[in-house]
PDB file of all heavy atoms in Angstrom:
ATOM      1  N   CYS A   1       8.362 -23.558 -17.847  1.00  0.00           N
ATOM      2  CA  CYS A   1       9.452 -24.158 -17.137  1.00  0.00           C
ATOM      3  C   CYS A   1      10.583 -23.175 -16.730  1.00  0.00           C
ATOM      4  O   CYS A   1      11.121 -23.209 -15.579  1.00  0.00           O
ATOM      5  CB  CYS A   1      10.080 -25.255 -18.011  1.00  0.00           C
ATOM      6  SG  CYS A   1       9.049 -26.706 -18.299  1.00  0.00           S
ATOM      7  N   GLU A   2      10.986 -22.295 -17.729  1.00  0.00           N
ATOM      8  CA  GLU A   2      12.061 -21.350 -17.483  1.00  0.00           C
ATOM      9  C   GLU A   2      11.563 -20.323 -16.364  1.00  0.00           C
ATOM     10  O   GLU A   2      12.455 -19.979 -15.557  1.00  0.00           O
ATOM     11  CB  GLU A   2      12.355 -20.611 -18.742  1.00  0.00           C
ATOM     12  CG  GLU A   2      12.983 -21.598 -19.800  1.00  0.00           C
ATOM     13  CD  GLU A   2      14.357 -22.113 -19.294  1.00  0.00           C
ATOM     14  OE1 GLU A   2      15.152 -21.180 -18.870  1.00  0.00           O
ATOM     15  OE2 GLU A   2      14.555 -23.318 -19.413  1.00  0.00           O
ATOM     16  N   ALA A   3      10.351 -19.858 -16.418  1.00  0.00           N
ATOM     17  CA  ALA A   3       9.937 -18.887 -15.461  1.00  0.00           C
ATOM     18  C   ALA A   3       9.838 -19.455 -14.018  1.00  0.00           C
ATOM     19  O   ALA A   3      10.279 -18.778 -13.086  1.00  0.00           O
ATOM     20  CB  ALA A   3       8.498 -18.391 -15.882  1.00  0.00           C
ATOM     21  N   LEU A   4       9.409 -20.678 -13.901  1.00  0.00           N
ATOM     22  CA  LEU A   4       9.441 -21.272 -12.572  1.00  0.00           C
ATOM     23  C   LEU A   4      10.797 -21.536 -12.031  1.00  0.00           C
ATOM     24  O   LEU A   4      10.952 -21.368 -10.851  1.00  0.00           O
ATOM     25  CB  LEU A   4       8.604 -22.673 -12.656  1.00  0.00           C
ATOM     26  CG  LEU A   4       7.149 -22.545 -12.841  1.00  0.00           C
ATOM     27  CD1 LEU A   4       6.517 -23.917 -13.094  1.00  0.00           C
ATOM     28  CD2 LEU A   4       6.575 -22.019 -11.528  1.00  0.00           C
ATOM     29  N   TRP A   5      11.756 -21.796 -12.945  1.00  0.00           N
ATOM     30  CA  TRP A   5      13.043 -21.933 -12.398  1.00  0.00           C
ATOM     31  C   TRP A   5      13.607 -20.581 -11.970  1.00  0.00           C
ATOM     32  O   TRP A   5      14.270 -20.476 -10.959  1.00  0.00           O
ATOM     33  CB  TRP A   5      14.016 -22.466 -13.519  1.00  0.00           C
ATOM     34  CG  TRP A   5      15.445 -22.563 -13.088  1.00  0.00           C
ATOM     35  CD1 TRP A   5      16.081 -23.567 -12.429  1.00  0.00           C
ATOM     36  CD2 TRP A   5      16.505 -21.621 -13.359  1.00  0.00           C
ATOM     37  NE1 TRP A   5      17.377 -23.336 -12.136  1.00  0.00           N
ATOM     38  CE2 TRP A   5      17.647 -22.162 -12.677  1.00  0.00           C
ATOM     39  CE3 TRP A   5      16.579 -20.426 -13.982  1.00  0.00           C
ATOM     40  CZ2 TRP A   5      18.907 -21.458 -12.766  1.00  0.00           C
ATOM     41  CZ3 TRP A   5      17.765 -19.692 -14.003  1.00  0.00           C
ATOM     42  CH2 TRP A   5      18.931 -20.276 -13.385  1.00  0.00           C
ATOM     43  N   ARG A   6      13.366 -19.432 -12.701  1.00  0.00           N
ATOM     44  CA  ARG A   6      13.840 -18.252 -12.337  1.00  0.00           C
ATOM     45  C   ARG A   6      13.205 -17.767 -10.920  1.00  0.00           C
ATOM     46  O   ARG A   6      13.939 -17.049 -10.203  1.00  0.00           O
ATOM     47  CB  ARG A   6      13.482 -17.189 -13.400  1.00  0.00           C
ATOM     48  CG  ARG A   6      14.273 -17.372 -14.652  1.00  0.00           C
ATOM     49  CD  ARG A   6      14.135 -16.134 -15.621  1.00  0.00           C
ATOM     50  NE  ARG A   6      14.701 -16.358 -16.883  1.00  0.00           N
ATOM     51  CZ  ARG A   6      15.088 -15.391 -17.623  1.00  0.00           C
ATOM     52  NH1 ARG A   6      14.744 -14.125 -17.349  1.00  0.00           N
ATOM     53  NH2 ARG A   6      15.694 -15.601 -18.850  1.00  0.00           N
ATOM     54  N   ALA A   7      11.943 -18.229 -10.837  1.00  0.00           N
ATOM     55  CA  ALA A   7      11.299 -17.773  -9.476  1.00  0.00           C
ATOM     56  C   ALA A   7      11.616 -18.763  -8.381  1.00  0.00           C
ATOM     57  O   ALA A   7      11.046 -18.582  -7.229  1.00  0.00           O
ATOM     58  CB  ALA A   7       9.752 -17.779  -9.769  1.00  0.00           C
ATOM     59  N   LYS A   8      12.391 -19.814  -8.580  1.00  0.00           N
ATOM     60  CA  LYS A   8      12.767 -20.796  -7.644  1.00  0.00           C
ATOM     61  C   LYS A   8      11.533 -21.501  -6.956  1.00  0.00           C
ATOM     62  O   LYS A   8      11.371 -21.820  -5.912  1.00  0.00           O
ATOM     63  CB  LYS A   8      13.597 -20.234  -6.500  1.00  0.00           C
ATOM     64  CG  LYS A   8      14.852 -19.580  -6.939  1.00  0.00           C
ATOM     65  CD  LYS A   8      15.629 -19.110  -5.710  1.00  0.00           C
ATOM     66  CE  LYS A   8      16.991 -18.549  -6.174  1.00  0.00           C
ATOM     67  NZ  LYS A   8      17.753 -17.954  -5.059  1.00  0.00           N
ATOM     68  N   LEU A   9      10.494 -21.761  -7.819  1.00  0.00           N
ATOM     69  CA  LEU A   9       9.174 -22.393  -7.479  1.00  0.00           C
ATOM     70  C   LEU A   9       9.132 -23.751  -8.191  1.00  0.00           C
ATOM     71  O   LEU A   9       9.319 -23.905  -9.436  1.00  0.00           O
ATOM     72  CB  LEU A   9       8.045 -21.617  -7.886  1.00  0.00           C
ATOM     73  CG  LEU A   9       7.919 -20.272  -7.054  1.00  0.00           C
ATOM     74  CD1 LEU A   9       6.838 -19.367  -7.670  1.00  0.00           C
ATOM     75  CD2 LEU A   9       7.687 -20.574  -5.538  1.00  0.00           C
ATOM     76  N   SER A  10       8.780 -24.827  -7.432  1.00  0.00           N
ATOM     77  CA  SER A  10       8.603 -26.146  -7.995  1.00  0.00           C
ATOM     78  C   SER A  10       7.337 -26.130  -8.906  1.00  0.00           C
ATOM     79  O   SER A  10       6.274 -25.662  -8.534  1.00  0.00           O
ATOM     80  CB  SER A  10       8.256 -27.170  -6.798  1.00  0.00           C
ATOM     81  OG  SER A  10       7.892 -28.446  -7.378  1.00  0.00           O
ATOM     82  N   PRO A  11       7.334 -26.858  -9.968  1.00  0.00           N
ATOM     83  CA  PRO A  11       6.182 -26.972 -10.881  1.00  0.00           C
ATOM     84  C   PRO A  11       5.008 -27.766 -10.224  1.00  0.00           C
ATOM     85  O   PRO A  11       3.915 -27.585 -10.654  1.00  0.00           O
ATOM     86  CB  PRO A  11       6.730 -27.660 -12.154  1.00  0.00           C
ATOM     87  CG  PRO A  11       7.975 -28.307 -11.709  1.00  0.00           C
ATOM     88  CD  PRO A  11       8.489 -27.506 -10.590  1.00  0.00           C
ATOM     89  N   THR A  12       5.278 -28.482  -9.251  1.00  0.00           N
ATOM     90  CA  THR A  12       4.349 -29.300  -8.565  1.00  0.00           C
ATOM     91  C   THR A  12       3.679 -28.573  -7.346  1.00  0.00           C
ATOM     92  O   THR A  12       2.790 -29.101  -6.723  1.00  0.00           O
ATOM     93  CB  THR A  12       4.926 -30.665  -8.104  1.00  0.00           C
ATOM     94  OG1 THR A  12       5.887 -30.490  -7.172  1.00  0.00           O
ATOM     95  CG2 THR A  12       5.504 -31.442  -9.232  1.00  0.00           C
ATOM     96  N   ARG A  13       4.233 -27.461  -7.004  1.00  0.00           N
ATOM     97  CA  ARG A  13       3.730 -26.724  -5.866  1.00  0.00           C
ATOM     98  C   ARG A  13       2.236 -26.252  -6.122  1.00  0.00           C
ATOM     99  O   ARG A  13       1.920 -25.865  -7.233  1.00  0.00           O
ATOM    100  CB  ARG A  13       4.536 -25.440  -5.610  1.00  0.00           C
ATOM    101  CG  ARG A  13       3.948 -24.502  -4.618  1.00  0.00           C
ATOM    102  CD  ARG A  13       4.758 -23.282  -4.397  1.00  0.00           C
ATOM    103  NE  ARG A  13       5.881 -23.421  -3.521  1.00  0.00           N
ATOM    104  CZ  ARG A  13       5.853 -23.329  -2.175  1.00  0.00           C
ATOM    105  NH1 ARG A  13       4.571 -22.992  -1.564  1.00  0.00           N
ATOM    106  NH2 ARG A  13       6.862 -23.524  -1.372  1.00  0.00           N
ATOM    107  N   LYS A  14       1.321 -26.328  -5.025  1.00  0.00           N
ATOM    108  CA  LYS A  14      -0.040 -25.941  -5.267  1.00  0.00           C
ATOM    109  C   LYS A  14      -0.111 -24.447  -5.427  1.00  0.00           C
ATOM    110  O   LYS A  14       0.484 -23.612  -4.753  1.00  0.00           O
ATOM    111  CB  LYS A  14      -0.901 -26.370  -4.022  1.00  0.00           C
ATOM    112  CG  LYS A  14      -0.956 -27.864  -3.983  1.00  0.00           C
ATOM    113  CD  LYS A  14      -1.763 -28.218  -2.656  1.00  0.00           C
ATOM    114  CE  LYS A  14      -1.913 -29.735  -2.481  1.00  0.00           C
ATOM    115  NZ  LYS A  14      -2.811 -30.029  -1.315  1.00  0.00           N
ATOM    116  N   ALA A  15      -0.842 -24.002  -6.484  1.00  0.00           N
ATOM    117  CA  ALA A  15      -1.074 -22.505  -6.714  1.00  0.00           C
ATOM    118  C   ALA A  15      -1.466 -21.756  -5.648  1.00  0.00           C
ATOM    119  O   ALA A  15      -1.047 -20.658  -5.449  1.00  0.00           O
ATOM    120  CB  ALA A  15      -1.864 -22.455  -7.998  1.00  0.00           C
ATOM    121  N   GLY A  16      -2.461 -22.362  -4.775  1.00  0.00           N
ATOM    122  CA  GLY A  16      -2.920 -21.668  -3.657  1.00  0.00           C
ATOM    123  C   GLY A  16      -1.979 -21.269  -2.705  1.00  0.00           C
ATOM    124  O   GLY A  16      -2.278 -20.272  -1.860  1.00  0.00           O
ATOM    125  N   THR A  17      -0.883 -21.953  -2.553  1.00  0.00           N
ATOM    126  CA  THR A  17       0.175 -21.506  -1.556  1.00  0.00           C
ATOM    127  C   THR A  17       0.831 -20.215  -1.794  1.00  0.00           C
ATOM    128  O   THR A  17       1.643 -19.761  -1.012  1.00  0.00           O
ATOM    129  CB  THR A  17       1.291 -22.696  -1.538  1.00  0.00           C
ATOM    130  OG1 THR A  17       1.952 -22.809  -2.725  1.00  0.00           O
ATOM    131  CG2 THR A  17       0.542 -24.043  -1.125  1.00  0.00           C
ATOM    132  N   LEU A  18       0.644 -19.553  -2.963  1.00  0.00           N
ATOM    133  CA  LEU A  18       1.192 -18.356  -3.405  1.00  0.00           C
ATOM    134  C   LEU A  18       0.263 -17.214  -2.962  1.00  0.00           C
ATOM    135  O   LEU A  18       0.517 -16.030  -3.361  1.00  0.00           O
ATOM    136  CB  LEU A  18       1.452 -18.306  -4.831  1.00  0.00           C
ATOM    137  CG  LEU A  18       2.996 -18.843  -5.282  1.00  0.00           C
ATOM    138  CD1 LEU A  18       3.157 -20.270  -4.902  1.00  0.00           C
ATOM    139  CD2 LEU A  18       3.156 -18.590  -6.812  1.00  0.00           C
ATOM    140  N   VAL A  19      -0.829 -17.447  -2.331  1.00  0.00           N
ATOM    141  CA  VAL A  19      -1.774 -16.532  -1.848  1.00  0.00           C
ATOM    142  C   VAL A  19      -1.993 -16.595  -0.408  1.00  0.00           C
ATOM    143  O   VAL A  19      -2.266 -17.695   0.105  1.00  0.00           O
ATOM    144  CB  VAL A  19      -3.107 -16.593  -2.527  1.00  0.00           C
ATOM    145  CG1 VAL A  19      -4.139 -15.583  -2.167  1.00  0.00           C
ATOM    146  CG2 VAL A  19      -2.874 -16.600  -4.058  1.00  0.00           C
ATOM    147  N   LYS A  20      -2.025 -15.518   0.328  1.00  0.00           N
ATOM    148  CA  LYS A  20      -2.285 -15.424   1.751  1.00  0.00           C
ATOM    149  C   LYS A  20      -3.680 -15.714   2.053  1.00  0.00           C
ATOM    150  O   LYS A  20      -4.569 -15.667   1.299  1.00  0.00           O
ATOM    151  CB  LYS A  20      -1.847 -14.053   2.351  1.00  0.00           C
ATOM    152  CG  LYS A  20      -0.363 -13.704   2.133  1.00  0.00           C
ATOM    153  CD  LYS A  20      -0.039 -12.310   2.712  1.00  0.00           C
ATOM    154  CE  LYS A  20       1.409 -11.983   2.455  1.00  0.00           C
ATOM    155  NZ  LYS A  20       1.731 -10.589   2.980  1.00  0.00           N
ATOM    156  N   LYS A  21      -3.983 -15.998   3.273  1.00  0.00           N
ATOM    157  CA  LYS A  21      -5.342 -16.346   3.776  1.00  0.00           C
ATOM    158  C   LYS A  21      -6.431 -15.079   3.512  1.00  0.00           C
ATOM    159  O   LYS A  21      -7.417 -15.277   3.321  1.00  0.00           O
ATOM    160  CB  LYS A  21      -5.361 -16.669   5.345  1.00  0.00           C
ATOM    161  CG  LYS A  21      -4.718 -17.961   5.574  1.00  0.00           C
ATOM    162  CD  LYS A  21      -4.926 -18.343   7.115  1.00  0.00           C
ATOM    163  CE  LYS A  21      -4.277 -19.672   7.214  1.00  0.00           C
ATOM    164  NZ  LYS A  21      -4.335 -20.085   8.715  1.00  0.00           N
ATOM    165  N   ASP A  22      -5.678 -13.898   3.551  1.00  0.00           N
ATOM    166  CA  ASP A  22      -6.583 -12.700   3.295  1.00  0.00           C
ATOM    167  C   ASP A  22      -6.786 -12.383   1.816  1.00  0.00           C
ATOM    168  O   ASP A  22      -7.421 -11.362   1.526  1.00  0.00           O
ATOM    169  CB  ASP A  22      -6.071 -11.463   4.066  1.00  0.00           C
ATOM    170  CG  ASP A  22      -4.696 -11.065   3.574  1.00  0.00           C
ATOM    171  OD1 ASP A  22      -4.123 -11.633   2.791  1.00  0.00           O
ATOM    172  OD2 ASP A  22      -4.194 -10.111   4.162  1.00  0.00           O
ATOM    173  N   GLY A  23      -6.314 -13.252   0.984  1.00  0.00           N
ATOM    174  CA  GLY A  23      -6.275 -13.110  -0.500  1.00  0.00           C
ATOM    175  C   GLY A  23      -5.205 -12.208  -1.091  1.00  0.00           C
ATOM    176  O   GLY A  23      -5.184 -12.041  -2.349  1.00  0.00           O
ATOM    177  N   ALA A  24      -4.268 -11.728  -0.284  1.00  0.00           N
ATOM    178  CA  ALA A  24      -3.203 -10.942  -0.750  1.00  0.00           C
ATOM    179  C   ALA A  24      -2.116 -11.825  -1.446  1.00  0.00           C
ATOM    180  O   ALA A  24      -1.917 -12.937  -0.844  1.00  0.00           O
ATOM    181  CB  ALA A  24      -2.607 -10.077   0.259  1.00  0.00           C
ATOM    182  N   PRO A  25      -1.304 -11.464  -2.410  1.00  0.00           N
ATOM    183  CA  PRO A  25      -0.299 -12.306  -2.920  1.00  0.00           C
ATOM    184  C   PRO A  25       0.892 -12.439  -1.966  1.00  0.00           C
ATOM    185  O   PRO A  25       1.167 -11.398  -1.253  1.00  0.00           O
ATOM    186  CB  PRO A  25       0.047 -11.562  -4.222  1.00  0.00           C
ATOM    187  CG  PRO A  25      -0.319 -10.125  -3.978  1.00  0.00           C
ATOM    188  CD  PRO A  25      -1.467 -10.089  -3.151  1.00  0.00           C
ATOM    189  N   THR A  26       1.473 -13.490  -2.011  1.00  0.00           N
ATOM    190  CA  THR A  26       2.746 -13.699  -1.280  1.00  0.00           C
ATOM    191  C   THR A  26       3.899 -13.174  -1.994  1.00  0.00           C
ATOM    192  O   THR A  26       3.799 -12.859  -3.244  1.00  0.00           O
ATOM    193  CB  THR A  26       2.968 -15.155  -0.933  1.00  0.00           C
ATOM    194  OG1 THR A  26       3.209 -15.790  -2.218  1.00  0.00           O
ATOM    195  CG2 THR A  26       1.849 -15.781  -0.099  1.00  0.00           C
ATOM    196  N   GLU A  27       5.037 -13.096  -1.334  1.00  0.00           N
ATOM    197  CA  GLU A  27       6.233 -12.689  -2.037  1.00  0.00           C
ATOM    198  C   GLU A  27       6.577 -13.625  -3.185  1.00  0.00           C
ATOM    199  O   GLU A  27       7.162 -13.231  -4.198  1.00  0.00           O
ATOM    200  CB  GLU A  27       7.490 -12.501  -1.059  1.00  0.00           C
ATOM    201  CG  GLU A  27       8.765 -11.938  -1.612  1.00  0.00           C
ATOM    202  CD  GLU A  27       8.613 -10.484  -2.188  1.00  0.00           C
ATOM    203  OE1 GLU A  27       7.710  -9.736  -1.673  1.00  0.00           O
ATOM    204  OE2 GLU A  27       9.248 -10.184  -3.106  1.00  0.00           O
ATOM    205  N   ARG A  28       6.272 -14.879  -3.013  1.00  0.00           N
ATOM    206  CA  ARG A  28       6.609 -15.898  -4.015  1.00  0.00           C
ATOM    207  C   ARG A  28       5.781 -15.478  -5.405  1.00  0.00           C
ATOM    208  O   ARG A  28       6.248 -15.680  -6.427  1.00  0.00           O
ATOM    209  CB  ARG A  28       6.051 -17.308  -3.534  1.00  0.00           C
ATOM    210  CG  ARG A  28       7.075 -17.904  -2.572  1.00  0.00           C
ATOM    211  CD  ARG A  28       6.727 -19.373  -2.390  1.00  0.00           C
ATOM    212  NE  ARG A  28       7.728 -20.061  -1.519  1.00  0.00           N
ATOM    213  CZ  ARG A  28       7.452 -20.273  -0.261  1.00  0.00           C
ATOM    214  NH1 ARG A  28       6.278 -19.871   0.382  1.00  0.00           N
ATOM    215  NH2 ARG A  28       8.377 -20.975   0.493  1.00  0.00           N
ATOM    216  N   LEU A  29       4.595 -15.075  -5.231  1.00  0.00           N
ATOM    217  CA  LEU A  29       3.728 -14.774  -6.409  1.00  0.00           C
ATOM    218  C   LEU A  29       4.269 -13.508  -7.004  1.00  0.00           C
ATOM    219  O   LEU A  29       4.392 -13.436  -8.234  1.00  0.00           O
ATOM    220  CB  LEU A  29       2.242 -14.610  -5.970  1.00  0.00           C
ATOM    221  CG  LEU A  29       1.301 -14.345  -7.163  1.00  0.00           C
ATOM    222  CD1 LEU A  29       1.426 -15.353  -8.280  1.00  0.00           C
ATOM    223  CD2 LEU A  29      -0.111 -14.225  -6.676  1.00  0.00           C
ATOM    224  N   VAL A  30       4.790 -12.577  -6.228  1.00  0.00           N
ATOM    225  CA  VAL A  30       5.366 -11.316  -6.824  1.00  0.00           C
ATOM    226  C   VAL A  30       6.646 -11.726  -7.653  1.00  0.00           C
ATOM    227  O   VAL A  30       6.769 -11.153  -8.650  1.00  0.00           O
ATOM    228  CB  VAL A  30       5.805 -10.439  -5.676  1.00  0.00           C
ATOM    229  CG1 VAL A  30       6.539  -9.102  -6.193  1.00  0.00           C
ATOM    230  CG2 VAL A  30       4.548  -9.870  -4.932  1.00  0.00           C
ATOM    231  N   LYS A  31       7.475 -12.595  -7.113  1.00  0.00           N
ATOM    232  CA  LYS A  31       8.601 -12.998  -7.755  1.00  0.00           C
ATOM    233  C   LYS A  31       8.252 -13.877  -8.994  1.00  0.00           C
ATOM    234  O   LYS A  31       8.946 -13.737 -10.043  1.00  0.00           O
ATOM    235  CB  LYS A  31       9.498 -13.787  -6.937  1.00  0.00           C
ATOM    236  CG  LYS A  31      10.177 -13.072  -5.808  1.00  0.00           C
ATOM    237  CD  LYS A  31      10.964 -13.957  -4.969  1.00  0.00           C
ATOM    238  CE  LYS A  31      11.756 -13.028  -3.782  1.00  0.00           C
ATOM    239  NZ  LYS A  31      12.585 -13.999  -2.967  1.00  0.00           N
ATOM    240  N   LEU A  32       7.147 -14.591  -9.014  1.00  0.00           N
ATOM    241  CA  LEU A  32       6.788 -15.390 -10.200  1.00  0.00           C
ATOM    242  C   LEU A  32       6.368 -14.468 -11.398  1.00  0.00           C
ATOM    243  O   LEU A  32       6.750 -14.701 -12.442  1.00  0.00           O
ATOM    244  CB  LEU A  32       5.616 -16.264  -9.804  1.00  0.00           C
ATOM    245  CG  LEU A  32       5.013 -17.138 -10.903  1.00  0.00           C
ATOM    246  CD1 LEU A  32       6.131 -18.141 -11.579  1.00  0.00           C
ATOM    247  CD2 LEU A  32       3.893 -18.060 -10.448  1.00  0.00           C
ATOM    248  N   VAL A  33       5.547 -13.356 -10.993  1.00  0.00           N
ATOM    249  CA  VAL A  33       5.155 -12.520 -12.036  1.00  0.00           C
ATOM    250  C   VAL A  33       6.342 -11.824 -12.670  1.00  0.00           C
ATOM    251  O   VAL A  33       6.432 -11.726 -13.978  1.00  0.00           O
ATOM    252  CB  VAL A  33       4.183 -11.429 -11.434  1.00  0.00           C
ATOM    253  CG1 VAL A  33       3.998 -10.280 -12.506  1.00  0.00           C
ATOM    254  CG2 VAL A  33       2.861 -12.097 -11.134  1.00  0.00           C
ATOM    255  N   ALA A  34       7.385 -11.426 -11.858  1.00  0.00           N
ATOM    256  CA  ALA A  34       8.533 -10.708 -12.331  1.00  0.00           C
ATOM    257  C   ALA A  34       9.299 -11.701 -13.214  1.00  0.00           C
ATOM    258  O   ALA A  34       9.825 -11.396 -14.278  1.00  0.00           O
ATOM    259  CB  ALA A  34       9.408 -10.365 -11.208  1.00  0.00           C
ATOM    260  N   ALA A  35       9.315 -13.058 -12.781  1.00  0.00           N
ATOM    261  CA  ALA A  35      10.082 -14.098 -13.614  1.00  0.00           C
ATOM    262  C   ALA A  35       9.345 -14.221 -15.070  1.00  0.00           C
ATOM    263  O   ALA A  35       9.974 -14.377 -16.050  1.00  0.00           O
ATOM    264  CB  ALA A  35      10.086 -15.371 -12.814  1.00  0.00           C
ATOM    265  N   VAL A  36       8.025 -14.311 -15.079  1.00  0.00           N
ATOM    266  CA  VAL A  36       7.268 -14.426 -16.290  1.00  0.00           C
ATOM    267  C   VAL A  36       7.589 -13.274 -17.224  1.00  0.00           C
ATOM    268  O   VAL A  36       7.846 -13.541 -18.378  1.00  0.00           O
ATOM    269  CB  VAL A  36       5.714 -14.610 -15.935  1.00  0.00           C
ATOM    270  CG1 VAL A  36       4.894 -14.454 -17.308  1.00  0.00           C
ATOM    271  CG2 VAL A  36       5.463 -15.962 -15.292  1.00  0.00           C
ATOM    272  N   ARG A  37       7.476 -12.146 -16.634  1.00  0.00           N
ATOM    273  CA  ARG A  37       7.694 -10.915 -17.517  1.00  0.00           C
ATOM    274  C   ARG A  37       9.190 -10.994 -18.082  1.00  0.00           C
ATOM    275  O   ARG A  37       9.448 -10.793 -19.252  1.00  0.00           O
ATOM    276  CB  ARG A  37       7.563  -9.617 -16.588  1.00  0.00           C
ATOM    277  CG  ARG A  37       6.135  -9.240 -16.340  1.00  0.00           C
ATOM    278  CD  ARG A  37       6.062  -8.007 -15.555  1.00  0.00           C
ATOM    279  NE  ARG A  37       4.839  -7.472 -15.339  1.00  0.00           N
ATOM    280  CZ  ARG A  37       4.085  -6.791 -16.269  1.00  0.00           C
ATOM    281  NH1 ARG A  37       4.604  -6.537 -17.527  1.00  0.00           N
ATOM    282  NH2 ARG A  37       2.902  -6.399 -16.017  1.00  0.00           N
ATOM    283  N   ALA A  38      10.164 -11.361 -17.202  1.00  0.00           N
ATOM    284  CA  ALA A  38      11.535 -11.350 -17.628  1.00  0.00           C
ATOM    285  C   ALA A  38      11.805 -12.354 -18.742  1.00  0.00           C
ATOM    286  O   ALA A  38      12.506 -12.141 -19.703  1.00  0.00           O
ATOM    287  CB  ALA A  38      12.474 -11.481 -16.373  1.00  0.00           C
ATOM    288  N   VAL A  39      11.362 -13.591 -18.531  1.00  0.00           N
ATOM    289  CA  VAL A  39      11.669 -14.719 -19.458  1.00  0.00           C
ATOM    290  C   VAL A  39      11.043 -14.301 -20.811  1.00  0.00           C
ATOM    291  O   VAL A  39      11.606 -14.597 -21.740  1.00  0.00           O
ATOM    292  CB  VAL A  39      11.322 -16.093 -18.853  1.00  0.00           C
ATOM    293  CG1 VAL A  39       9.726 -16.238 -18.970  1.00  0.00           C
ATOM    294  CG2 VAL A  39      11.951 -17.053 -19.567  1.00  0.00           C
ATOM    295  N   ILE A  40       9.789 -13.838 -20.864  1.00  0.00           N
ATOM    296  CA  ILE A  40       9.221 -13.454 -22.187  1.00  0.00           C
ATOM    297  C   ILE A  40       9.930 -12.346 -22.706  1.00  0.00           C
ATOM    298  O   ILE A  40      10.208 -12.376 -23.962  1.00  0.00           O
ATOM    299  CB  ILE A  40       7.636 -12.985 -21.890  1.00  0.00           C
ATOM    300  CG1 ILE A  40       6.897 -14.194 -21.406  1.00  0.00           C
ATOM    301  CG2 ILE A  40       7.188 -12.423 -23.086  1.00  0.00           C
ATOM    302  CD1 ILE A  40       6.800 -15.392 -22.372  1.00  0.00           C
ATOM    303  N   ALA A  41      10.400 -11.379 -21.993  1.00  0.00           N
ATOM    304  CA  ALA A  41      11.125 -10.192 -22.571  1.00  0.00           C
ATOM    305  C   ALA A  41      12.491 -10.637 -23.158  1.00  0.00           C
ATOM    306  O   ALA A  41      12.893 -10.321 -24.137  1.00  0.00           O
ATOM    307  CB  ALA A  41      11.348  -9.119 -21.496  1.00  0.00           C
ATOM    308  N   ASP A  42      13.141 -11.566 -22.431  1.00  0.00           N
ATOM    309  CA  ASP A  42      14.478 -12.104 -22.864  1.00  0.00           C
ATOM    310  C   ASP A  42      14.289 -12.958 -24.099  1.00  0.00           C
ATOM    311  O   ASP A  42      15.171 -12.872 -25.000  1.00  0.00           O
ATOM    312  CB  ASP A  42      15.166 -12.932 -21.731  1.00  0.00           C
ATOM    313  CG  ASP A  42      15.686 -12.009 -20.577  1.00  0.00           C
ATOM    314  OD1 ASP A  42      15.674 -10.794 -20.685  1.00  0.00           O
ATOM    315  OD2 ASP A  42      15.947 -12.602 -19.555  1.00  0.00           O
ATOM    316  N   ALA A  43      13.170 -13.777 -24.192  1.00  0.00           N
ATOM    317  CA  ALA A  43      12.947 -14.554 -25.335  1.00  0.00           C
ATOM    318  C   ALA A  43      12.593 -13.721 -26.517  1.00  0.00           C
ATOM    319  O   ALA A  43      13.098 -14.079 -27.622  1.00  0.00           O
ATOM    320  CB  ALA A  43      11.881 -15.523 -24.958  1.00  0.00           C
TER     321      ALA A  43
END
């Protein structure tokens, strides 16, 4: 919950929308990874 808030992503958003058609990660996925790392480190 905390990581999704930091990344400004809805918990109901489909996971596939964070990946481009060519399989590359979108900027949203990059921000999500950074948010996960940060919230775990802070905790």
